């Protein structure tokens, strides 16, 4: 039995869709905080259970019978993600889960400036100490968020950043498909498993790609931290979120998102999506 948390979200929901291409619905269970939001899976014969990381008592029953359990990481920047993940892992242990697969991040490290990267690393340590077989899916930074990071470059011809660094922007769709293939491998991948696009362009390099895609000049402006945060707040962004994302840029400049791996392409049996393909798809709708 494969049990999937977070299936009402885009990442793990797509993983379930890929699993259903290969295995029967009765071999899959999805766990959701609100079962009604998982109705599309129930409609095709997938069992839906209710479970919430913040309600530890709900989890052992939700995870019961899992040969493999795919745990989605908490996406709430205000939450104590490590405590939530610890509750889920302890519940998995109590339920006798055979293997945990956890949606981590390429930049997981104890000293990274990016807060979620520290949370992912701490969660991996809990997994390592749990006594349960585990796989950490260290996905590259999800490429769909790049449209937010690039801002209004189509109108301005300018990509404003506080600092520059390489990022292996990775399509969430590709990561979801790879997770399904890893689940179907029955334990062939153990421990930290890096899944990234082939390249890790800097924002300056992305501006060059954008220039070619748009057919007009696009440049990168490096503003510095304080000026960039002030610009974000002036544009209506909450200061908390601006500083949260500032940490991502600083981690990129420090090289935490620079590494790449061929594994994603090998799992997909094709080239992963690229920054160029993302910009071209975006251009097609503008």
C-alpha atoms as a PDB file:
ATOM      1  CA  UNK A   1       0.000   0.000   0.000  1.00  0.00           C
ATOM      2  CA  UNK A   2       1.231   3.479  -0.906  1.00  0.00           C
ATOM      3  CA  UNK A   3      -0.137   6.296   1.248  1.00  0.00           C
ATOM      4  CA  UNK A   4       0.201   9.902   0.068  1.00  0.00           C
ATOM      5  CA  UNK A   5      -0.221  13.023   2.180  1.00  0.00           C
ATOM      6  CA  UNK A   6      -0.826  16.444   0.681  1.00  0.00           C
ATOM      7  CA  UNK A   7      -2.585  14.981  -2.366  1.00  0.00           C
ATOM      8  CA  UNK A   8      -4.953  17.948  -2.522  1.00  0.00           C
ATOM      9  CA  UNK A   9      -1.912  20.052  -3.438  1.00  0.00           C
ATOM     10  CA  UNK A  10      -0.333  20.323  -6.870  1.00  0.00           C
ATOM     11  CA  UNK A  11       2.836  18.325  -6.155  1.00  0.00           C
ATOM     12  CA  UNK A  12       1.596  15.165  -4.460  1.00  0.00           C
ATOM     13  CA  UNK A  13      -1.728  15.301  -6.301  1.00  0.00           C
ATOM     14  CA  UNK A  14       0.187  14.963  -9.563  1.00  0.00           C
ATOM     15  CA  UNK A  15       2.206  12.119  -8.043  1.00  0.00           C
ATOM     16  CA  UNK A  16      -1.021  10.239  -7.342  1.00  0.00           C
ATOM     17  CA  UNK A  17      -2.155  10.850 -10.917  1.00  0.00           C
ATOM     18  CA  UNK A  18       1.073   9.309 -12.219  1.00  0.00           C
ATOM     19  CA  UNK A  19       0.764   6.327  -9.865  1.00  0.00           C
ATOM     20  CA  UNK A  20      -2.742   5.673 -11.154  1.00  0.00           C
ATOM     21  CA  UNK A  21      -1.296   5.217 -14.638  1.00  0.00           C
ATOM     22  CA  UNK A  22       0.514   2.109 -13.367  1.00  0.00           C
ATOM     23  CA  UNK A  23      -1.206   0.666 -10.296  1.00  0.00           C
ATOM     24  CA  UNK A  24      -4.796   0.092  -9.237  1.00  0.00           C
ATOM     25  CA  UNK A  25      -6.673   2.687  -7.144  1.00  0.00           C
ATOM     26  CA  UNK A  26      -7.071   0.194  -4.283  1.00  0.00           C
ATOM     27  CA  UNK A  27      -3.283   0.154  -3.858  1.00  0.00           C
ATOM     28  CA  UNK A  28      -3.260   3.861  -2.970  1.00  0.00           C
ATOM     29  CA  UNK A  29      -4.564   5.850  -0.009  1.00  0.00           C
ATOM     30  CA  UNK A  30      -4.544   9.638   0.183  1.00  0.00           C
ATOM     31  CA  UNK A  31      -4.546  11.540   3.464  1.00  0.00           C
ATOM     32  CA  UNK A  32      -6.017  15.036   3.620  1.00  0.00           C
ATOM     33  CA  UNK A  33      -6.953  17.507   6.319  1.00  0.00           C
ATOM     34  CA  UNK A  34     -10.254  18.020   4.476  1.00  0.00           C
ATOM     35  CA  UNK A  35     -11.402  14.785   2.848  1.00  0.00           C
ATOM     36  CA  UNK A  36     -13.923  16.656   0.705  1.00  0.00           C
ATOM     37  CA  UNK A  37     -11.068  18.327  -1.162  1.00  0.00           C
ATOM     38  CA  UNK A  38      -9.800  14.884  -2.206  1.00  0.00           C
ATOM     39  CA  UNK A  39     -13.110  13.878  -3.768  1.00  0.00           C
ATOM     40  CA  UNK A  40     -11.586  13.491  -7.240  1.00  0.00           C
ATOM     41  CA  UNK A  41      -9.491  10.599  -5.930  1.00  0.00           C
ATOM     42  CA  UNK A  42     -12.405   8.985  -4.103  1.00  0.00           C
ATOM     43  CA  UNK A  43     -14.378   9.161  -7.352  1.00  0.00           C
ATOM     44  CA  UNK A  44     -11.873   6.834  -9.066  1.00  0.00           C
ATOM     45  CA  UNK A  45     -11.672   4.360  -6.183  1.00  0.00           C
ATOM     46  CA  UNK A  46      -8.790   5.708  -4.073  1.00  0.00           C
ATOM     47  CA  UNK A  47      -9.404   5.512  -0.342  1.00  0.00           C
ATOM     48  CA  UNK A  48      -9.380   8.924   1.329  1.00  0.00           C
ATOM     49  CA  UNK A  49      -8.488   9.261   5.006  1.00  0.00           C
ATOM     50  CA  UNK A  50      -8.481  12.305   7.251  1.00  0.00           C
ATOM     51  CA  UNK A  51      -5.219  13.305   8.889  1.00  0.00           C
ATOM     52  CA  UNK A  52      -3.508  16.486  10.000  1.00  0.00           C
ATOM     53  CA  UNK A  53       0.121  16.901  11.106  1.00  0.00           C
ATOM     54  CA  UNK A  54      -1.127  19.367  13.717  1.00  0.00           C
ATOM     55  CA  UNK A  55      -3.444  16.679  15.149  1.00  0.00           C
ATOM     56  CA  UNK A  56      -1.012  13.905  16.049  1.00  0.00           C
ATOM     57  CA  UNK A  57      -3.796  11.606  17.256  1.00  0.00           C
ATOM     58  CA  UNK A  58      -5.280  11.523  13.749  1.00  0.00           C
ATOM     59  CA  UNK A  59      -2.134  10.234  12.082  1.00  0.00           C
ATOM     60  CA  UNK A  60      -1.455   6.605  13.150  1.00  0.00           C
ATOM     61  CA  UNK A  61      -4.848   5.489  11.824  1.00  0.00           C
ATOM     62  CA  UNK A  62      -4.353   7.583   8.672  1.00  0.00           C
ATOM     63  CA  UNK A  63      -0.975   5.936   8.027  1.00  0.00           C
ATOM     64  CA  UNK A  64      -1.960   2.368   8.945  1.00  0.00           C
ATOM     65  CA  UNK A  65      -1.028  -0.292   6.416  1.00  0.00           C
ATOM     66  CA  UNK A  66       1.513   1.789   4.502  1.00  0.00           C
ATOM     67  CA  UNK A  67       4.347  -0.081   2.871  1.00  0.00           C
ATOM     68  CA  UNK A  68       5.449   3.349   1.673  1.00  0.00           C
ATOM     69  CA  UNK A  69       4.341   6.767   2.947  1.00  0.00           C
ATOM     70  CA  UNK A  70       4.935   9.972   0.974  1.00  0.00           C
ATOM     71  CA  UNK A  71       5.070  12.869   3.432  1.00  0.00           C
ATOM     72  CA  UNK A  72       4.670  16.332   1.977  1.00  0.00           C
ATOM     73  CA  UNK A  73       6.584  18.999   3.863  1.00  0.00           C
ATOM     74  CA  UNK A  74       4.742  21.841   5.572  1.00  0.00           C
ATOM     75  CA  UNK A  75       4.412  24.888   3.314  1.00  0.00           C
ATOM     76  CA  UNK A  76       3.323  27.373   5.987  1.00  0.00           C
ATOM     77  CA  UNK A  77       6.195  29.827   6.616  1.00  0.00           C
ATOM     78  CA  UNK A  78       4.653  30.725   9.986  1.00  0.00           C
ATOM     79  CA  UNK A  79       4.456  27.116  11.232  1.00  0.00           C
ATOM     80  CA  UNK A  80       6.951  25.138  13.311  1.00  0.00           C
ATOM     81  CA  UNK A  81       7.550  22.795  10.399  1.00  0.00           C
ATOM     82  CA  UNK A  82      10.057  20.572  12.173  1.00  0.00           C
ATOM     83  CA  UNK A  83       7.642  19.839  15.021  1.00  0.00           C
ATOM     84  CA  UNK A  84       4.876  19.021  12.543  1.00  0.00           C
ATOM     85  CA  UNK A  85       7.190  16.715  10.600  1.00  0.00           C
ATOM     86  CA  UNK A  86       8.349  15.049  13.823  1.00  0.00           C
ATOM     87  CA  UNK A  87       4.730  14.280  14.749  1.00  0.00           C
ATOM     88  CA  UNK A  88       4.147  12.734  11.329  1.00  0.00           C
ATOM     89  CA  UNK A  89       7.299  10.607  11.515  1.00  0.00           C
ATOM     90  CA  UNK A  90       6.513   9.424  15.034  1.00  0.00           C
ATOM     91  CA  UNK A  91       3.007   8.487  13.889  1.00  0.00           C
ATOM     92  CA  UNK A  92       4.458   6.606  10.928  1.00  0.00           C
ATOM     93  CA  UNK A  93       6.653   4.671  13.315  1.00  0.00           C
ATOM     94  CA  UNK A  94       3.679   3.862  15.530  1.00  0.00           C
ATOM     95  CA  UNK A  95       1.734   2.701  12.466  1.00  0.00           C
ATOM     96  CA  UNK A  96       4.527   0.388  11.327  1.00  0.00           C
ATOM     97  CA  UNK A  97       5.173   2.165   8.026  1.00  0.00           C
ATOM     98  CA  UNK A  98       7.769   0.369   5.900  1.00  0.00           C
ATOM     99  CA  UNK A  99       9.417   3.386   4.238  1.00  0.00           C
ATOM    100  CA  UNK A 100       8.934   7.145   4.415  1.00  0.00           C
ATOM    101  CA  UNK A 101       9.540   9.341   1.396  1.00  0.00           C
ATOM    102  CA  UNK A 102       9.743  13.015   2.294  1.00  0.00           C
ATOM    103  CA  UNK A 103       9.525  16.021  -0.032  1.00  0.00           C
ATOM    104  CA  UNK A 104      12.693  17.855   0.955  1.00  0.00           C
ATOM    105  CA  UNK A 105      14.698  20.480  -0.917  1.00  0.00           C
ATOM    106  CA  UNK A 106      17.979  20.565  -2.752  1.00  0.00           C
ATOM    107  CA  UNK A 107      19.353  23.242  -0.421  1.00  0.00           C
ATOM    108  CA  UNK A 108      18.743  21.299   2.801  1.00  0.00           C
ATOM    109  CA  UNK A 109      21.587  22.173   5.164  1.00  0.00           C
ATOM    110  CA  UNK A 110      21.960  23.251   8.811  1.00  0.00           C
ATOM    111  CA  UNK A 111      23.676  26.554   7.989  1.00  0.00           C
ATOM    112  CA  UNK A 112      21.727  27.731   4.912  1.00  0.00           C
ATOM    113  CA  UNK A 113      20.258  31.241   5.139  1.00  0.00           C
ATOM    114  CA  UNK A 114      16.971  29.864   3.730  1.00  0.00           C
ATOM    115  CA  UNK A 115      14.777  28.825   6.654  1.00  0.00           C
ATOM    116  CA  UNK A 116      12.951  25.945   4.919  1.00  0.00           C
ATOM    117  CA  UNK A 117      16.331  24.467   3.978  1.00  0.00           C
ATOM    118  CA  UNK A 118      17.247  24.286   7.669  1.00  0.00           C
ATOM    119  CA  UNK A 119      13.844  22.728   8.438  1.00  0.00           C
ATOM    120  CA  UNK A 120      14.314  20.108   5.731  1.00  0.00           C
ATOM    121  CA  UNK A 121      17.751  19.190   7.049  1.00  0.00           C
ATOM    122  CA  UNK A 122      16.414  18.879  10.602  1.00  0.00           C
ATOM    123  CA  UNK A 123      13.587  16.673   9.341  1.00  0.00           C
ATOM    124  CA  UNK A 124      16.074  14.455   7.524  1.00  0.00           C
ATOM    125  CA  UNK A 125      17.926  14.006  10.805  1.00  0.00           C
ATOM    126  CA  UNK A 126      14.679  12.919  12.473  1.00  0.00           C
ATOM    127  CA  UNK A 127      14.147  10.438   9.655  1.00  0.00           C
ATOM    128  CA  UNK A 128      17.692   9.115  10.020  1.00  0.00           C
ATOM    129  CA  UNK A 129      17.113   8.578  13.742  1.00  0.00           C
ATOM    130  CA  UNK A 130      13.642   7.049  13.329  1.00  0.00           C
ATOM    131  CA  UNK A 131      14.707   3.503  12.512  1.00  0.00           C
ATOM    132  CA  UNK A 132      12.422   3.569   9.458  1.00  0.00           C
ATOM    133  CA  UNK A 133      13.796   3.196   5.929  1.00  0.00           C
ATOM    134  CA  UNK A 134      13.604   6.620   4.310  1.00  0.00           C
ATOM    135  CA  UNK A 135      14.126   8.544   1.115  1.00  0.00           C
ATOM    136  CA  UNK A 136      14.456  12.310   1.061  1.00  0.00           C
ATOM    137  CA  UNK A 137      13.387  13.804  -2.264  1.00  0.00           C
ATOM    138  CA  UNK A 138      15.704  16.807  -2.495  1.00  0.00           C
ATOM    139  CA  UNK A 139      13.812  18.606  -5.230  1.00  0.00           C
ATOM    140  CA  UNK A 140      15.261  21.621  -6.977  1.00  0.00           C
ATOM    141  CA  UNK A 141      13.619  25.013  -6.432  1.00  0.00           C
ATOM    142  CA  UNK A 142      10.203  24.780  -8.092  1.00  0.00           C
ATOM    143  CA  UNK A 143      10.297  26.587 -11.412  1.00  0.00           C
ATOM    144  CA  UNK A 144       6.706  27.861 -11.343  1.00  0.00           C
ATOM    145  CA  UNK A 145       7.746  30.256  -8.566  1.00  0.00           C
ATOM    146  CA  UNK A 146      10.270  31.836 -10.916  1.00  0.00           C
ATOM    147  CA  UNK A 147       7.513  33.969 -12.440  1.00  0.00           C
ATOM    148  CA  UNK A 148       7.143  35.631  -9.025  1.00  0.00           C
ATOM    149  CA  UNK A 149      10.893  36.086  -8.601  1.00  0.00           C
ATOM    150  CA  UNK A 150      11.231  37.679 -12.035  1.00  0.00           C
ATOM    151  CA  UNK A 151       8.550  40.267 -11.333  1.00  0.00           C
ATOM    152  CA  UNK A 152       7.180  42.496 -14.102  1.00  0.00           C
ATOM    153  CA  UNK A 153      10.158  42.003 -16.412  1.00  0.00           C
ATOM    154  CA  UNK A 154       7.967  41.831 -19.509  1.00  0.00           C
ATOM    155  CA  UNK A 155       6.807  45.393 -18.932  1.00  0.00           C
ATOM    156  CA  UNK A 156      10.011  46.850 -17.505  1.00  0.00           C
ATOM    157  CA  UNK A 157      12.719  44.872 -19.273  1.00  0.00           C
ATOM    158  CA  UNK A 158      14.376  44.569 -15.863  1.00  0.00           C
ATOM    159  CA  UNK A 159      14.754  41.711 -13.379  1.00  0.00           C
ATOM    160  CA  UNK A 160      15.420  43.208  -9.942  1.00  0.00           C
ATOM    161  CA  UNK A 161      17.163  41.036  -7.351  1.00  0.00           C
ATOM    162  CA  UNK A 162      18.879  41.758  -4.020  1.00  0.00           C
ATOM    163  CA  UNK A 163      21.820  39.527  -4.960  1.00  0.00           C
ATOM    164  CA  UNK A 164      22.512  36.981  -7.673  1.00  0.00           C
ATOM    165  CA  UNK A 165      23.334  33.290  -7.636  1.00  0.00           C
ATOM    166  CA  UNK A 166      22.680  30.026  -9.471  1.00  0.00           C
ATOM    167  CA  UNK A 167      19.431  28.107  -8.952  1.00  0.00           C
ATOM    168  CA  UNK A 168      18.518  24.745 -10.478  1.00  0.00           C
ATOM    169  CA  UNK A 169      14.936  25.757 -11.255  1.00  0.00           C
ATOM    170  CA  UNK A 170      13.036  22.457 -11.506  1.00  0.00           C
ATOM    171  CA  UNK A 171       9.520  21.903 -12.814  1.00  0.00           C
ATOM    172  CA  UNK A 172       7.154  20.761 -10.085  1.00  0.00           C
ATOM    173  CA  UNK A 173       5.452  18.548 -12.686  1.00  0.00           C
ATOM    174  CA  UNK A 174       8.749  16.750 -13.306  1.00  0.00           C
ATOM    175  CA  UNK A 175       9.394  16.316  -9.580  1.00  0.00           C
ATOM    176  CA  UNK A 176       5.912  14.827  -9.110  1.00  0.00           C
ATOM    177  CA  UNK A 177       6.432  12.308 -11.906  1.00  0.00           C
ATOM    178  CA  UNK A 178       9.852  11.364 -10.535  1.00  0.00           C
ATOM    179  CA  UNK A 179       8.372  10.811  -7.068  1.00  0.00           C
ATOM    180  CA  UNK A 180       5.893   8.342  -8.565  1.00  0.00           C
ATOM    181  CA  UNK A 181       8.696   6.458 -10.311  1.00  0.00           C
ATOM    182  CA  UNK A 182      10.703   6.313  -7.090  1.00  0.00           C
ATOM    183  CA  UNK A 183       7.679   5.006  -5.198  1.00  0.00           C
ATOM    184  CA  UNK A 184       7.226   2.327  -7.838  1.00  0.00           C
ATOM    185  CA  UNK A 185      10.897   1.328  -7.521  1.00  0.00           C
ATOM    186  CA  UNK A 186      10.126  -0.285  -4.134  1.00  0.00           C
ATOM    187  CA  UNK A 187      13.036   1.115  -2.181  1.00  0.00           C
ATOM    188  CA  UNK A 188      15.671   1.475  -4.892  1.00  0.00           C
ATOM    189  CA  UNK A 189      16.517   4.974  -3.657  1.00  0.00           C
ATOM    190  CA  UNK A 190      17.660   5.447  -0.091  1.00  0.00           C
ATOM    191  CA  UNK A 191      18.468   8.560   1.931  1.00  0.00           C
ATOM    192  CA  UNK A 192      18.949  12.002   0.339  1.00  0.00           C
ATOM    193  CA  UNK A 193      18.051  11.815  -3.369  1.00  0.00           C
ATOM    194  CA  UNK A 194      18.640  14.955  -5.449  1.00  0.00           C
ATOM    195  CA  UNK A 195      16.158  15.712  -8.242  1.00  0.00           C
ATOM    196  CA  UNK A 196      16.986  18.814 -10.252  1.00  0.00           C
ATOM    197  CA  UNK A 197      16.955  20.252 -13.732  1.00  0.00           C
ATOM    198  CA  UNK A 198      20.158  19.906 -15.738  1.00  0.00           C
ATOM    199  CA  UNK A 199      21.286  23.525 -15.320  1.00  0.00           C
ATOM    200  CA  UNK A 200      21.454  26.144 -12.569  1.00  0.00           C
ATOM    201  CA  UNK A 201      21.386  29.579 -14.221  1.00  0.00           C
ATOM    202  CA  UNK A 202      21.970  32.826 -12.369  1.00  0.00           C
ATOM    203  CA  UNK A 203      19.435  35.617 -12.711  1.00  0.00           C
ATOM    204  CA  UNK A 204      21.854  37.362 -15.038  1.00  0.00           C
ATOM    205  CA  UNK A 205      21.853  34.277 -17.252  1.00  0.00           C
ATOM    206  CA  UNK A 206      18.059  34.105 -17.033  1.00  0.00           C
ATOM    207  CA  UNK A 207      17.904  37.715 -18.262  1.00  0.00           C
ATOM    208  CA  UNK A 208      19.899  36.638 -21.314  1.00  0.00           C
ATOM    209  CA  UNK A 209      17.445  33.793 -21.951  1.00  0.00           C
ATOM    210  CA  UNK A 210      14.514  36.182 -21.463  1.00  0.00           C
ATOM    211  CA  UNK A 211      16.082  38.564 -23.987  1.00  0.00           C
ATOM    212  CA  UNK A 212      16.110  35.805 -26.601  1.00  0.00           C
ATOM    213  CA  UNK A 213      12.568  34.649 -25.778  1.00  0.00           C
ATOM    214  CA  UNK A 214      11.086  38.166 -25.727  1.00  0.00           C
ATOM    215  CA  UNK A 215      13.099  39.459 -28.652  1.00  0.00           C
ATOM    216  CA  UNK A 216      14.093  42.616 -26.788  1.00  0.00           C
ATOM    217  CA  UNK A 217      16.682  43.490 -24.148  1.00  0.00           C
ATOM    218  CA  UNK A 218      16.148  42.288 -20.595  1.00  0.00           C
ATOM    219  CA  UNK A 219      18.677  43.097 -17.882  1.00  0.00           C
ATOM    220  CA  UNK A 220      19.269  42.184 -14.258  1.00  0.00           C
ATOM    221  CA  UNK A 221      19.613  44.885 -11.594  1.00  0.00           C
ATOM    222  CA  UNK A 222      21.241  43.850  -8.311  1.00  0.00           C
ATOM    223  CA  UNK A 223      19.800  46.266  -5.750  1.00  0.00           C
ATOM    224  CA  UNK A 224      21.220  45.043  -2.465  1.00  0.00           C
ATOM    225  CA  UNK A 225      19.156  43.644   0.389  1.00  0.00           C
ATOM    226  CA  UNK A 226      17.721  46.797   1.973  1.00  0.00           C
ATOM    227  CA  UNK A 227      16.783  48.500  -1.289  1.00  0.00           C
ATOM    228  CA  UNK A 228      15.188  45.321  -2.640  1.00  0.00           C
ATOM    229  CA  UNK A 229      13.100  44.745   0.504  1.00  0.00           C
ATOM    230  CA  UNK A 230      11.967  48.373   0.450  1.00  0.00           C
ATOM    231  CA  UNK A 231      10.935  48.007  -3.197  1.00  0.00           C
ATOM    232  CA  UNK A 232       8.976  44.852  -2.420  1.00  0.00           C
ATOM    233  CA  UNK A 233       7.147  46.497   0.481  1.00  0.00           C
ATOM    234  CA  UNK A 234       6.403  49.561  -1.667  1.00  0.00           C
ATOM    235  CA  UNK A 235       4.837  47.283  -4.269  1.00  0.00           C
ATOM    236  CA  UNK A 236       2.458  45.841  -1.661  1.00  0.00           C
ATOM    237  CA  UNK A 237       4.375  42.787  -0.436  1.00  0.00           C
ATOM    238  CA  UNK A 238       4.307  42.080   3.302  1.00  0.00           C
ATOM    239  CA  UNK A 239       7.711  42.754   4.834  1.00  0.00           C
ATOM    240  CA  UNK A 240       7.722  39.312   6.477  1.00  0.00           C
ATOM    241  CA  UNK A 241       7.375  37.619   3.095  1.00  0.00           C
ATOM    242  CA  UNK A 242       9.910  39.931   1.457  1.00  0.00           C
ATOM    243  CA  UNK A 243      12.513  39.036   4.073  1.00  0.00           C
ATOM    244  CA  UNK A 244      11.545  35.360   3.870  1.00  0.00           C
ATOM    245  CA  UNK A 245      12.326  35.400   0.136  1.00  0.00           C
ATOM    246  CA  UNK A 246      15.435  37.515   0.681  1.00  0.00           C
ATOM    247  CA  UNK A 247      16.862  34.507   2.518  1.00  0.00           C
ATOM    248  CA  UNK A 248      16.324  32.437  -0.632  1.00  0.00           C
ATOM    249  CA  UNK A 249      18.354  34.891  -2.722  1.00  0.00           C
ATOM    250  CA  UNK A 250      21.124  34.902  -0.118  1.00  0.00           C
ATOM    251  CA  UNK A 251      21.205  31.089  -0.103  1.00  0.00           C
ATOM    252  CA  UNK A 252      21.427  31.140  -3.911  1.00  0.00           C
ATOM    253  CA  UNK A 253      24.338  33.561  -3.768  1.00  0.00           C
ATOM    254  CA  UNK A 254      26.030  31.235  -1.282  1.00  0.00           C
ATOM    255  CA  UNK A 255      25.677  28.319  -3.706  1.00  0.00           C
ATOM    256  CA  UNK A 256      23.054  26.216  -1.906  1.00  0.00           C
ATOM    257  CA  UNK A 257      20.944  25.756  -5.063  1.00  0.00           C
ATOM    258  CA  UNK A 258      23.804  25.454  -7.545  1.00  0.00           C
ATOM    259  CA  UNK A 259      24.214  21.687  -7.675  1.00  0.00           C
ATOM    260  CA  UNK A 260      22.580  19.637 -10.406  1.00  0.00           C
ATOM    261  CA  UNK A 261      21.999  15.926 -10.893  1.00  0.00           C
ATOM    262  CA  UNK A 262      21.174  13.826 -13.975  1.00  0.00           C
ATOM    263  CA  UNK A 263      18.879  11.552 -11.939  1.00  0.00           C
ATOM    264  CA  UNK A 264      15.666  13.441 -12.701  1.00  0.00           C
ATOM    265  CA  UNK A 265      16.161  13.064 -16.443  1.00  0.00           C
ATOM    266  CA  UNK A 266      17.072   9.408 -16.010  1.00  0.00           C
ATOM    267  CA  UNK A 267      13.873   8.746 -14.079  1.00  0.00           C
ATOM    268  CA  UNK A 268      11.740  10.614 -16.606  1.00  0.00           C
ATOM    269  CA  UNK A 269      13.484   9.079 -19.638  1.00  0.00           C
ATOM    270  CA  UNK A 270      13.585  12.571 -21.151  1.00  0.00           C
ATOM    271  CA  UNK A 271      15.134  15.949 -20.575  1.00  0.00           C
ATOM    272  CA  UNK A 272      13.559  17.819 -17.646  1.00  0.00           C
ATOM    273  CA  UNK A 273      11.850  21.113 -18.362  1.00  0.00           C
ATOM    274  CA  UNK A 274      14.165  24.135 -18.505  1.00  0.00           C
ATOM    275  CA  UNK A 275      13.972  27.823 -17.643  1.00  0.00           C
ATOM    276  CA  UNK A 276      13.800  28.536 -21.365  1.00  0.00           C
ATOM    277  CA  UNK A 277      10.801  26.233 -21.788  1.00  0.00           C
ATOM    278  CA  UNK A 278       9.087  27.941 -18.829  1.00  0.00           C
ATOM    279  CA  UNK A 279       9.637  31.414 -20.299  1.00  0.00           C
ATOM    280  CA  UNK A 280       8.502  30.260 -23.730  1.00  0.00           C
ATOM    281  CA  UNK A 281       5.317  28.761 -22.281  1.00  0.00           C
ATOM    282  CA  UNK A 282       4.714  31.994 -20.363  1.00  0.00           C
ATOM    283  CA  UNK A 283       5.280  34.009 -23.552  1.00  0.00           C
ATOM    284  CA  UNK A 284       2.654  31.944 -25.349  1.00  0.00           C
ATOM    285  CA  UNK A 285      -0.059  33.223 -22.989  1.00  0.00           C
ATOM    286  CA  UNK A 286       1.022  36.866 -23.039  1.00  0.00           C
END
